[in-house]
Amino acid sequence: MTKLTLLVLGFAAFLQGQNDSERKFVSIGARVGVPITDAFETFRGNDSRYFTNTKRYLIGPTVEFRLPWRLSIGVDALYKRIGYEYQQTAPNVLTTGTVANSWEFPALLRWEVLPGPIRPFVDAGMSIRHISGISQVRAVANVVTEINNAPEFNKGNDIGFVFGGGVAFKLSRVRVSPEFRYVRWGSEAFRDPVRSLLRTNRNQGDFLLGFTF
C-alpha cells in the first residue's frame, strides 16, 4: 500500500511538473519593425521610369515554442504595405500608382548562443509570402481610372530563405528581442513586362522588435 501511495504521489508530481513546463513552453506576443531595404528595384528609361514607395513599417503576431538546449521555434505573421509609381512622358503623359498588401509567414529555428539575462541568438528557416489587395490608379490625359490589378504583377505566392540574429532579454514579465533579418526570395512577385524597369527586390532586410509573454 505504501509503494502504491508513493507511486501515485510521484505520478501526480510528474504531471504537475509537466503542467508547469507547458505553461512556459509556449509564448505569444507581437513583432513590430522597419523594412531596411526597398521592396522593389526601379530603373529609368528614355521616356519612362519607376519609383519605389516603401512603407517603413511592418507588424504582426508571433508565437514561440521553447525547446531544450536553448532552442526554440518561432512562427510569425507579418504585414506590410508595398507600392510603386510609374511615369511615362511619351507618346502620352501617363502616371500610375500601385499599392498592395504583403503578408509574410516565417517559421524559424532559434538558438540562444549564451545563457544569462542577455542572450544573443541566431535563427534561420523559411518564409512564405502572400501578396493580395493589389490596386492601381492610372491617369492619362487627366482621365483617372482605377483597376484591381497591375500588369507588373507576376505571382502572388513565394517562398524565401531567412537568416537572422539579435539579442533577447526580459523586462519584468515581457521578453524583448530586437533582431535583424535577411530574406532571400525565390522569385519576383512584380516585374515590368515590357522594358524591365521594375522588379521585386529578392534581397530583403528588416529590423524587428519582438515582445512575447
Protein backbone atom coordinates (compact mmCIF):
# COMPACT_ATOMS: atom_id res chain seq x y z
CA MET A 1 0.00 0.00 0.00
CA THR A 2 2.87 2.33 0.80
CA LYS A 3 4.52 1.64 -2.55
CA LEU A 4 1.25 2.34 -4.34
CA THR A 5 0.84 5.62 -2.46
CA LEU A 6 4.38 6.69 -3.32
CA LEU A 7 3.76 5.77 -6.96
CA VAL A 8 0.58 7.84 -7.08
CA LEU A 9 2.25 10.80 -5.40
CA GLY A 10 5.23 10.54 -7.74
CA PHE A 11 2.98 10.41 -10.78
CA ALA A 12 1.00 13.43 -9.55
CA ALA A 13 4.24 15.37 -9.03
CA PHE A 14 5.32 14.40 -12.54
CA LEU A 15 2.04 15.68 -14.01
CA GLN A 16 2.36 18.90 -12.05
CA GLY A 17 5.87 19.36 -13.39
CA GLN A 18 4.60 18.73 -16.91
CA ASN A 19 1.88 21.34 -16.46
CA ASP A 20 4.41 23.88 -15.19
CA SER A 21 6.68 23.25 -18.15
CA GLU A 22 3.75 23.51 -20.57
CA ARG A 23 2.95 26.96 -19.22
CA LYS A 24 6.48 28.02 -20.09
CA PHE A 25 6.66 26.06 -23.33
CA VAL A 26 4.55 28.42 -25.45
CA SER A 27 4.90 32.20 -25.59
CA ILE A 28 2.73 34.55 -27.62
CA GLY A 29 3.18 38.18 -28.49
CA ALA A 30 3.76 40.59 -31.34
CA ARG A 31 6.51 41.93 -33.57
CA VAL A 32 6.90 45.41 -34.98
CA GLY A 33 9.62 46.51 -37.32
CA VAL A 34 11.04 48.61 -40.11
CA PRO A 35 11.94 47.43 -43.63
CA ILE A 36 15.59 48.30 -44.24
CA THR A 37 15.51 47.60 -47.96
CA ASP A 38 13.00 48.74 -50.59
CA ALA A 39 10.50 46.18 -51.84
CA PHE A 40 11.32 46.97 -55.48
CA GLU A 41 14.30 47.65 -57.69
CA THR A 42 13.42 50.51 -60.04
CA PHE A 43 15.13 51.88 -63.15
CA ARG A 44 14.81 54.79 -65.55
CA GLY A 45 14.36 54.54 -69.32
CA ASN A 46 14.48 57.17 -72.06
CA ASP A 47 10.88 58.27 -71.66
CA SER A 48 9.63 56.43 -68.56
CA ARG A 49 10.70 55.44 -65.08
CA TYR A 50 9.55 53.76 -61.88
CA PHE A 51 9.77 54.95 -58.27
CA THR A 52 9.55 52.72 -55.22
CA ASN A 53 7.12 53.73 -52.48
CA THR A 54 8.19 51.71 -49.46
CA LYS A 55 6.10 51.96 -46.29
CA ARG A 56 8.53 51.88 -43.37
CA TYR A 57 6.58 49.65 -41.01
CA LEU A 58 5.65 46.00 -40.50
CA ILE A 59 3.63 44.40 -37.72
CA GLY A 60 2.06 41.12 -36.74
CA PRO A 61 1.52 38.40 -34.10
CA THR A 62 4.12 35.81 -33.12
CA VAL A 63 4.17 32.51 -31.25
CA GLU A 64 7.26 30.81 -29.86
CA PHE A 65 7.72 27.17 -28.80
CA ARG A 66 10.66 26.68 -26.46
CA LEU A 67 12.78 23.54 -26.75
CA PRO A 68 15.70 22.11 -24.76
CA TRP A 69 19.32 23.22 -25.26
CA ARG A 70 18.37 26.90 -25.65
CA LEU A 71 16.48 26.15 -28.86
CA SER A 72 13.06 27.45 -29.87
CA ILE A 73 10.78 27.57 -32.88
CA GLY A 74 9.10 30.85 -33.77
CA VAL A 75 6.26 31.46 -36.22
CA ASP A 76 5.21 34.99 -37.25
CA ALA A 77 2.52 36.57 -39.41
CA LEU A 78 3.95 39.91 -40.56
CA TYR A 79 2.00 42.51 -42.52
CA LYS A 80 3.32 45.45 -44.50
CA ARG A 81 2.15 47.72 -47.30
CA ILE A 82 4.20 47.88 -50.51
CA GLY A 83 3.90 50.13 -53.54
CA TYR A 84 5.50 51.84 -56.51
CA GLU A 85 4.82 54.65 -59.01
CA TYR A 86 5.30 54.85 -62.75
CA GLN A 87 5.72 57.88 -65.03
CA GLN A 88 5.69 57.92 -68.82
CA THR A 89 6.19 61.05 -70.92
CA ALA A 90 5.81 59.69 -74.48
CA PRO A 91 3.74 59.17 -76.53
CA ASN A 92 1.22 60.27 -73.87
CA VAL A 93 1.70 61.52 -70.34
CA LEU A 94 0.84 58.54 -68.15
CA THR A 95 1.22 58.13 -64.40
CA THR A 96 0.25 55.18 -62.24
CA GLY A 97 0.34 54.44 -58.53
CA THR A 98 0.20 50.84 -57.32
CA VAL A 99 -0.20 49.52 -53.77
CA ALA A 100 -0.58 46.00 -52.37
CA ASN A 101 -0.79 44.07 -49.11
CA SER A 102 2.14 41.78 -48.29
CA TRP A 103 1.82 39.01 -45.68
CA GLU A 104 4.88 37.01 -44.67
CA PHE A 105 4.80 33.83 -42.57
CA PRO A 106 8.32 32.96 -41.39
CA ALA A 107 8.99 29.77 -39.38
CA LEU A 108 12.43 29.92 -37.75
CA LEU A 109 14.58 27.72 -35.56
CA ARG A 110 16.37 29.91 -32.99
CA TRP A 111 19.42 29.07 -30.93
CA GLU A 112 20.44 31.21 -27.97
CA VAL A 113 24.23 31.21 -28.07
CA LEU A 114 24.79 32.02 -24.38
CA PRO A 115 22.67 31.67 -21.24
CA GLY A 116 22.10 34.55 -18.86
CA PRO A 117 19.95 37.68 -18.58
CA ILE A 118 21.01 38.92 -22.03
CA ARG A 119 21.06 36.15 -24.63
CA PRO A 120 22.47 36.64 -28.12
CA PHE A 121 20.84 34.37 -30.66
CA VAL A 122 20.84 33.34 -34.30
CA ASP A 123 17.89 31.93 -36.23
CA ALA A 124 17.20 30.50 -39.66
CA GLY A 125 14.28 29.00 -41.57
CA MET A 126 11.80 29.56 -44.34
CA SER A 127 9.15 32.17 -45.05
CA ILE A 128 6.02 32.14 -47.21
CA ARG A 129 4.86 35.41 -48.75
CA HIS A 130 1.35 36.14 -49.99
CA ILE A 131 0.50 39.36 -51.86
CA SER A 132 -3.10 40.50 -52.23
CA GLY A 133 -5.28 43.58 -52.47
CA ILE A 134 -3.45 44.99 -55.48
CA SER A 135 -4.88 48.24 -56.78
CA GLN A 136 -3.57 50.64 -59.38
CA VAL A 137 -4.68 54.18 -60.19
CA ARG A 138 -3.91 55.41 -63.73
CA ALA A 139 -4.02 58.96 -65.01
CA VAL A 140 -3.88 59.55 -68.77
CA ALA A 141 -4.69 62.98 -70.20
CA ASN A 142 -6.44 63.98 -66.96
CA VAL A 143 -8.61 60.84 -67.09
CA VAL A 144 -8.22 58.81 -63.89
CA THR A 145 -9.14 55.12 -63.74
CA GLU A 146 -8.68 52.52 -61.02
CA ILE A 147 -8.11 48.80 -61.60
CA ASN A 148 -7.85 45.91 -59.15
CA ASN A 149 -4.69 44.50 -60.65
CA ALA A 150 -1.50 45.65 -62.34
CA PRO A 151 0.29 44.48 -65.50
CA GLU A 152 3.53 44.29 -63.49
CA PHE A 153 2.04 41.73 -61.09
CA ASN A 154 3.76 38.39 -61.66
CA LYS A 155 2.74 35.98 -58.85
CA GLY A 156 1.01 36.15 -55.50
CA ASN A 157 2.88 33.48 -53.51
CA ASP A 158 6.57 32.90 -52.94
CA ILE A 159 8.98 31.09 -50.60
CA GLY A 160 12.21 32.52 -49.23
CA PHE A 161 15.15 31.57 -47.01
CA VAL A 162 15.51 33.56 -43.77
CA PHE A 163 18.58 34.17 -41.62
CA GLY A 164 18.78 36.50 -38.63
CA GLY A 165 20.39 37.39 -35.35
CA GLY A 166 19.82 39.54 -32.29
CA VAL A 167 19.58 39.51 -28.50
CA ALA A 168 16.83 38.53 -26.07
CA PHE A 169 16.27 39.87 -22.56
CA LYS A 170 13.47 40.31 -20.04
CA LEU A 171 11.78 43.48 -18.86
CA SER A 172 9.62 42.39 -15.95
CA ARG A 173 7.39 39.67 -17.45
CA VAL A 174 7.93 40.70 -21.05
CA ARG A 175 10.61 39.07 -23.18
CA VAL A 176 12.08 41.58 -25.65
CA SER A 177 14.06 40.50 -28.71
CA PRO A 178 15.47 43.09 -31.15
CA GLU A 179 16.67 41.38 -34.31
CA PHE A 180 17.96 41.91 -37.83
CA ARG A 181 16.67 39.53 -40.51
CA TYR A 182 17.67 38.81 -44.08
CA VAL A 183 15.31 37.12 -46.57
CA ARG A 184 16.23 35.80 -49.99
CA TRP A 185 13.06 35.31 -52.03
CA GLY A 186 12.88 32.61 -54.66
CA SER A 187 11.25 34.64 -57.43
CA GLU A 188 9.83 38.03 -58.39
CA ALA A 189 6.31 38.94 -57.36
CA PHE A 190 6.34 42.04 -59.62
CA ARG A 191 8.16 42.65 -62.90
CA ASP A 192 7.84 45.20 -65.68
CA PRO A 193 6.61 43.08 -68.62
CA VAL A 194 7.80 45.49 -71.35
CA ARG A 195 11.04 47.28 -70.52
CA SER A 196 12.25 45.53 -67.35
CA LEU A 197 12.38 48.83 -65.45
CA LEU A 198 10.77 47.34 -62.35
CA ARG A 199 11.33 44.10 -60.46
CA THR A 200 10.91 42.77 -56.97
CA ASN A 201 13.94 43.11 -54.75
CA ARG A 202 14.66 39.47 -53.89
CA ASN A 203 17.08 40.54 -51.14
CA GLN A 204 15.11 41.80 -48.16
CA GLY A 205 16.38 43.23 -44.88
CA ASP A 206 14.23 44.03 -41.85
CA PHE A 207 14.74 45.23 -38.30
CA LEU A 208 12.25 43.63 -35.89
CA LEU A 209 11.40 44.14 -32.24
CA GLY A 210 9.59 41.21 -30.62
CA PHE A 211 7.52 41.23 -27.43
CA THR A 212 6.45 37.86 -26.01
CA PHE A 213 4.74 36.85 -22.75
